[in-house]
Amino acid sequence: MKNRSIRERCCSFEQLATGLVLVFWLPLSQAQSAGCNEIDGFADFDFWVGEWEVFAAGTDAKAGENVIRKLEGGCILLESWTGAGGSTGTSLNYYNPVTGEWRQVWVSAGQYAIDIVGGLRNGSMVLEGSIYNFGGAVWDFRGTWTPNSDGSVRQFFEQYNHDSEEWAPWFDGRYVRKGAG
């Protein structure tokens, strides 16, 4: 028995390779086809998904339009912002089931980027991290998205002022679904 070759003990190389592919590929392919819609945590930010008109809080002044779409089987949100003055920006938002946190990475042609993480707190999505000016400055940054009873969403961004040691409003907007007028 000790002198039997691997081929005699098991199978042909082709059978072994096929078996290994099936062992590793089938669970992966099934997970990919299932998507993330049924996994806890991935629906936490669904209240923000849609096509929106965005207004400066407390006014009828339109700040811009935003489209947030779920992609990759519900595993990621893609944000496409167009400001009333022509500014643009894009963010990727995803839930990491290992850390239990949402993360947003935003980049704009306005030469800054935002990288914030967090999750649901008291019914609002709260993400904290940094805003980076491409000139080299970095500030603490926080975003809070709160769904309202009328279907709108408040998006409130704050930047930490290191001189005053206080959080200062950066953007306060009210998202209204297009056609909800």
C-alpha atoms as a PDB file:
ATOM      1  CA  MET A   1       0.000   0.000   0.000  1.00  0.00           C
ATOM      2  CA  LYS A   2       2.775   2.441   0.778  1.00  0.00           C
ATOM      3  CA  ASN A   3       4.166   2.329  -2.734  1.00  0.00           C
ATOM      4  CA  ARG A   4       0.945   3.272  -4.549  1.00  0.00           C
ATOM      5  CA  SER A   5       1.196   6.423  -6.617  1.00  0.00           C
ATOM      6  CA  ILE A   6      -1.022   9.434  -6.023  1.00  0.00           C
ATOM      7  CA  ARG A   7      -2.855   8.536  -9.219  1.00  0.00           C
ATOM      8  CA  GLU A   8      -3.601   5.058  -7.873  1.00  0.00           C
ATOM      9  CA  ARG A   9      -4.691   6.391  -4.484  1.00  0.00           C
ATOM     10  CA  CYS A  10      -6.960   9.113  -5.765  1.00  0.00           C
ATOM     11  CA  CYS A  11      -7.731   9.887  -9.301  1.00  0.00           C
ATOM     12  CA  SER A  12      -6.408  11.441 -12.457  1.00  0.00           C
ATOM     13  CA  PHE A  13      -4.995  14.952 -12.400  1.00  0.00           C
ATOM     14  CA  GLU A  14      -7.942  16.101 -14.505  1.00  0.00           C
ATOM     15  CA  GLN A  15     -10.440  14.628 -12.041  1.00  0.00           C
ATOM     16  CA  LEU A  16      -8.587  16.163  -9.108  1.00  0.00           C
ATOM     17  CA  ALA A  17      -8.415  19.593 -10.776  1.00  0.00           C
ATOM     18  CA  THR A  18     -12.113  19.448 -11.691  1.00  0.00           C
ATOM     19  CA  GLY A  19     -12.997  18.474  -8.141  1.00  0.00           C
ATOM     20  CA  LEU A  20     -10.987  21.334  -6.662  1.00  0.00           C
ATOM     21  CA  VAL A  21     -12.551  23.848  -9.035  1.00  0.00           C
ATOM     22  CA  LEU A  22     -16.034  22.678  -8.071  1.00  0.00           C
ATOM     23  CA  VAL A  23     -15.234  22.726  -4.349  1.00  0.00           C
ATOM     24  CA  PHE A  24     -14.067  26.353  -4.475  1.00  0.00           C
ATOM     25  CA  TRP A  25     -16.062  27.774  -7.386  1.00  0.00           C
ATOM     26  CA  LEU A  26     -19.579  26.536  -6.601  1.00  0.00           C
ATOM     27  CA  PRO A  27     -19.920  28.270  -3.200  1.00  0.00           C
ATOM     28  CA  LEU A  28     -18.382  31.451  -4.639  1.00  0.00           C
ATOM     29  CA  SER A  29     -20.625  31.427  -7.708  1.00  0.00           C
ATOM     30  CA  GLN A  30     -23.704  30.805  -5.581  1.00  0.00           C
ATOM     31  CA  ALA A  31     -22.759  33.654  -3.225  1.00  0.00           C
ATOM     32  CA  GLN A  32     -22.194  36.005  -6.146  1.00  0.00           C
ATOM     33  CA  SER A  33     -25.494  35.112  -7.788  1.00  0.00           C
ATOM     34  CA  ALA A  34     -27.365  35.549  -4.492  1.00  0.00           C
ATOM     35  CA  GLY A  35     -26.164  39.148  -4.081  1.00  0.00           C
ATOM     36  CA  CYS A  36     -26.336  41.088  -0.837  1.00  0.00           C
ATOM     37  CA  ASN A  37     -30.019  42.021  -0.644  1.00  0.00           C
ATOM     38  CA  GLU A  38     -30.780  39.213   1.804  1.00  0.00           C
ATOM     39  CA  ILE A  39     -27.741  39.751   4.072  1.00  0.00           C
ATOM     40  CA  ASP A  40     -28.222  41.758   7.282  1.00  0.00           C
ATOM     41  CA  GLY A  41     -26.812  45.292   7.117  1.00  0.00           C
ATOM     42  CA  PHE A  42     -26.861  45.780   3.355  1.00  0.00           C
ATOM     43  CA  ALA A  43     -30.340  47.364   3.368  1.00  0.00           C
ATOM     44  CA  ASP A  44     -29.533  49.908   6.115  1.00  0.00           C
ATOM     45  CA  PHE A  45     -28.955  52.720   3.605  1.00  0.00           C
ATOM     46  CA  ASP A  46     -31.812  51.823   1.215  1.00  0.00           C
ATOM     47  CA  PHE A  47     -33.793  54.894   2.319  1.00  0.00           C
ATOM     48  CA  TRP A  48     -31.264  56.978   0.348  1.00  0.00           C
ATOM     49  CA  VAL A  49     -31.578  54.996  -2.906  1.00  0.00           C
ATOM     50  CA  GLY A  50     -33.417  56.838  -5.687  1.00  0.00           C
ATOM     51  CA  GLU A  51     -33.471  59.917  -7.879  1.00  0.00           C
ATOM     52  CA  TRP A  52     -33.511  63.149  -5.905  1.00  0.00           C
ATOM     53  CA  GLU A  53     -33.785  66.893  -6.132  1.00  0.00           C
ATOM     54  CA  VAL A  54     -31.710  68.424  -3.347  1.00  0.00           C
ATOM     55  CA  PHE A  55     -32.578  71.727  -1.686  1.00  0.00           C
ATOM     56  CA  ALA A  56     -30.698  73.844   0.830  1.00  0.00           C
ATOM     57  CA  ALA A  57     -32.303  73.031   4.175  1.00  0.00           C
ATOM     58  CA  GLY A  58     -35.228  75.267   5.096  1.00  0.00           C
ATOM     59  CA  THR A  59     -35.434  76.840   1.615  1.00  0.00           C
ATOM     60  CA  ASP A  60     -36.733  76.197  -1.880  1.00  0.00           C
ATOM     61  CA  ALA A  61     -33.246  76.919  -3.292  1.00  0.00           C
ATOM     62  CA  LYS A  62     -32.216  73.931  -5.377  1.00  0.00           C
ATOM     63  CA  ALA A  63     -28.676  72.800  -4.523  1.00  0.00           C
ATOM     64  CA  GLY A  64     -28.583  70.083  -7.173  1.00  0.00           C
ATOM     65  CA  GLU A  65     -29.688  66.613  -8.156  1.00  0.00           C
ATOM     66  CA  ASN A  66     -28.479  63.258  -6.961  1.00  0.00           C
ATOM     67  CA  VAL A  67     -28.983  59.691  -8.151  1.00  0.00           C
ATOM     68  CA  ILE A  68     -28.190  56.819  -5.796  1.00  0.00           C
ATOM     69  CA  ARG A  69     -28.334  53.334  -7.341  1.00  0.00           C
ATOM     70  CA  LYS A  70     -27.825  49.870  -5.890  1.00  0.00           C
ATOM     71  CA  LEU A  71     -25.393  47.814  -7.976  1.00  0.00           C
ATOM     72  CA  GLU A  72     -23.688  44.434  -7.850  1.00  0.00           C
ATOM     73  CA  GLY A  73     -26.692  42.558  -6.491  1.00  0.00           C
ATOM     74  CA  GLY A  74     -27.332  45.174  -3.805  1.00  0.00           C
ATOM     75  CA  CYS A  75     -23.758  45.047  -2.483  1.00  0.00           C
ATOM     76  CA  ILE A  76     -22.838  48.669  -3.273  1.00  0.00           C
ATOM     77  CA  LEU A  77     -24.469  52.072  -3.698  1.00  0.00           C
ATOM     78  CA  LEU A  78     -23.240  54.418  -6.423  1.00  0.00           C
ATOM     79  CA  GLU A  79     -23.936  58.137  -5.953  1.00  0.00           C
ATOM     80  CA  SER A  80     -23.838  60.578  -8.877  1.00  0.00           C
ATOM     81  CA  TRP A  81     -24.131  64.236  -7.828  1.00  0.00           C
ATOM     82  CA  THR A  82     -24.706  67.227 -10.095  1.00  0.00           C
ATOM     83  CA  GLY A  83     -24.786  70.587  -8.332  1.00  0.00           C
ATOM     84  CA  ALA A  84     -26.975  73.480  -9.445  1.00  0.00           C
ATOM     85  CA  GLY A  85     -23.803  75.471 -10.164  1.00  0.00           C
ATOM     86  CA  GLY A  86     -22.246  72.682 -12.265  1.00  0.00           C
ATOM     87  CA  SER A  87     -20.236  70.842  -9.617  1.00  0.00           C
ATOM     88  CA  THR A  88     -20.099  67.058  -9.839  1.00  0.00           C
ATOM     89  CA  GLY A  89     -19.086  64.198  -7.590  1.00  0.00           C
ATOM     90  CA  THR A  90     -19.305  60.455  -7.229  1.00  0.00           C
ATOM     91  CA  SER A  91     -19.279  58.189  -4.222  1.00  0.00           C
ATOM     92  CA  LEU A  92     -19.156  54.475  -3.595  1.00  0.00           C
ATOM     93  CA  ASN A  93     -20.949  53.341  -0.465  1.00  0.00           C
ATOM     94  CA  TYR A  94     -20.757  49.805   0.832  1.00  0.00           C
ATOM     95  CA  TYR A  95     -21.414  47.740   3.894  1.00  0.00           C
ATOM     96  CA  ASN A  96     -18.633  45.543   5.227  1.00  0.00           C
ATOM     97  CA  PRO A  97     -20.249  42.590   7.020  1.00  0.00           C
ATOM     98  CA  VAL A  98     -16.930  41.693   8.656  1.00  0.00           C
ATOM     99  CA  THR A  99     -16.513  45.073  10.409  1.00  0.00           C
ATOM    100  CA  GLY A 100     -20.247  45.815  10.587  1.00  0.00           C
ATOM    101  CA  GLU A 101     -19.658  49.308   9.142  1.00  0.00           C
ATOM    102  CA  TRP A 102     -20.746  51.309   6.136  1.00  0.00           C
ATOM    103  CA  ARG A 103     -18.094  53.212   4.219  1.00  0.00           C
ATOM    104  CA  GLN A 104     -18.368  56.108   1.779  1.00  0.00           C
ATOM    105  CA  VAL A 105     -15.542  57.164  -0.509  1.00  0.00           C
ATOM    106  CA  TRP A 106     -16.386  60.369  -2.393  1.00  0.00           C
ATOM    107  CA  VAL A 107     -14.355  62.174  -5.037  1.00  0.00           C
ATOM    108  CA  SER A 108     -15.279  65.387  -6.805  1.00  0.00           C
ATOM    109  CA  ALA A 109     -13.873  67.495  -9.582  1.00  0.00           C
ATOM    110  CA  GLY A 110     -13.766  70.197  -6.894  1.00  0.00           C
ATOM    111  CA  GLN A 111     -10.436  68.714  -5.825  1.00  0.00           C
ATOM    112  CA  TYR A 112     -11.405  67.098  -2.580  1.00  0.00           C
ATOM    113  CA  ALA A 113     -12.235  63.601  -1.378  1.00  0.00           C
ATOM    114  CA  ILE A 114     -14.171  62.248   1.587  1.00  0.00           C
ATOM    115  CA  ASP A 115     -13.548  58.915   3.320  1.00  0.00           C
ATOM    116  CA  ILE A 116     -15.999  58.180   6.151  1.00  0.00           C
ATOM    117  CA  VAL A 117     -17.247  55.065   7.982  1.00  0.00           C
ATOM    118  CA  GLY A 118     -19.979  54.237  10.468  1.00  0.00           C
ATOM    119  CA  GLY A 119     -23.517  52.952  10.602  1.00  0.00           C
ATOM    120  CA  LEU A 120     -27.049  53.442  11.823  1.00  0.00           C
ATOM    121  CA  ARG A 121     -27.490  55.462  15.021  1.00  0.00           C
ATOM    122  CA  ASN A 122     -30.978  56.220  16.295  1.00  0.00           C
ATOM    123  CA  GLY A 123     -32.485  55.792  12.811  1.00  0.00           C
ATOM    124  CA  SER A 124     -29.871  57.949  11.022  1.00  0.00           C
ATOM    125  CA  MET A 125     -26.867  56.819   9.008  1.00  0.00           C
ATOM    126  CA  VAL A 126     -23.833  58.482  10.624  1.00  0.00           C
ATOM    127  CA  LEU A 127     -20.435  58.206   8.941  1.00  0.00           C
ATOM    128  CA  GLU A 128     -17.253  59.827  10.279  1.00  0.00           C
ATOM    129  CA  GLY A 129     -13.726  60.177   8.970  1.00  0.00           C
ATOM    130  CA  SER A 130     -11.846  62.764   6.951  1.00  0.00           C
ATOM    131  CA  ILE A 131     -12.179  65.231   4.108  1.00  0.00           C
ATOM    132  CA  TYR A 132      -9.047  65.739   2.042  1.00  0.00           C
ATOM    133  CA  ASN A 133      -8.321  68.893   0.081  1.00  0.00           C
ATOM    134  CA  PHE A 134      -6.100  67.933  -2.853  1.00  0.00           C
ATOM    135  CA  GLY A 135      -3.823  70.827  -1.827  1.00  0.00           C
ATOM    136  CA  GLY A 136      -2.834  68.780   1.210  1.00  0.00           C
ATOM    137  CA  ALA A 137      -5.188  69.813   4.022  1.00  0.00           C
ATOM    138  CA  VAL A 138      -7.101  67.190   6.027  1.00  0.00           C
ATOM    139  CA  TRP A 139     -10.029  67.802   8.382  1.00  0.00           C
ATOM    140  CA  ASP A 140     -12.250  65.564  10.500  1.00  0.00           C
ATOM    141  CA  PHE A 141     -15.587  65.153   8.756  1.00  0.00           C
ATOM    142  CA  ARG A 142     -19.015  63.727   9.583  1.00  0.00           C
ATOM    143  CA  GLY A 143     -22.107  62.999   7.506  1.00  0.00           C
ATOM    144  CA  THR A 144     -25.583  62.242   8.834  1.00  0.00           C
ATOM    145  CA  TRP A 145     -28.470  61.042   6.662  1.00  0.00           C
ATOM    146  CA  THR A 146     -31.886  61.013   8.312  1.00  0.00           C
ATOM    147  CA  PRO A 147     -35.048  59.690   6.646  1.00  0.00           C
ATOM    148  CA  ASN A 148     -38.072  61.916   7.272  1.00  0.00           C
ATOM    149  CA  SER A 149     -41.697  60.791   7.647  1.00  0.00           C
ATOM    150  CA  ASP A 150     -42.646  62.499   4.346  1.00  0.00           C
ATOM    151  CA  GLY A 151     -40.146  60.352   2.373  1.00  0.00           C
ATOM    152  CA  SER A 152     -37.511  63.081   2.122  1.00  0.00           C
ATOM    153  CA  VAL A 153     -34.011  62.664   3.547  1.00  0.00           C
ATOM    154  CA  ARG A 154     -31.902  65.211   5.406  1.00  0.00           C
ATOM    155  CA  GLN A 155     -28.199  65.102   4.605  1.00  0.00           C
ATOM    156  CA  PHE A 156     -26.114  67.063   7.089  1.00  0.00           C
ATOM    157  CA  PHE A 157     -22.341  67.332   6.753  1.00  0.00           C
ATOM    158  CA  GLU A 158     -20.057  68.813   9.392  1.00  0.00           C
ATOM    159  CA  GLN A 159     -16.362  69.636   9.370  1.00  0.00           C
ATOM    160  CA  TYR A 160     -14.310  69.916  12.525  1.00  0.00           C
ATOM    161  CA  ASN A 161     -12.669  73.311  13.010  1.00  0.00           C
ATOM    162  CA  HIS A 162      -9.340  72.725  14.754  1.00  0.00           C
ATOM    163  CA  ASP A 163      -9.028  76.411  15.664  1.00  0.00           C
ATOM    164  CA  SER A 164     -12.368  76.707  17.489  1.00  0.00           C
ATOM    165  CA  GLU A 165     -12.396  72.990  18.424  1.00  0.00           C
ATOM    166  CA  GLU A 166     -16.028  72.771  17.305  1.00  0.00           C
ATOM    167  CA  TRP A 167     -17.978  71.075  14.561  1.00  0.00           C
ATOM    168  CA  ALA A 168     -19.206  73.526  11.906  1.00  0.00           C
ATOM    169  CA  PRO A 169     -21.941  72.869   9.312  1.00  0.00           C
ATOM    170  CA  TRP A 170     -20.499  72.103   5.861  1.00  0.00           C
ATOM    171  CA  PHE A 171     -23.698  71.237   3.955  1.00  0.00           C
ATOM    172  CA  ASP A 172     -27.319  70.865   5.047  1.00  0.00           C
ATOM    173  CA  GLY A 173     -29.681  69.570   2.400  1.00  0.00           C
ATOM    174  CA  ARG A 174     -33.156  68.144   2.000  1.00  0.00           C
ATOM    175  CA  TYR A 175     -33.534  65.347  -0.528  1.00  0.00           C
ATOM    176  CA  VAL A 176     -36.948  65.158  -2.229  1.00  0.00           C
ATOM    177  CA  ARG A 177     -37.714  62.288  -4.589  1.00  0.00           C
ATOM    178  CA  LYS A 178     -38.094  63.400  -8.198  1.00  0.00           C
ATOM    179  CA  GLY A 179     -41.755  63.541  -9.098  1.00  0.00           C
ATOM    180  CA  ALA A 180     -42.826  63.802  -5.442  1.00  0.00           C
ATOM    181  CA  GLY A 181     -43.125  67.509  -5.964  1.00  0.00           C
END
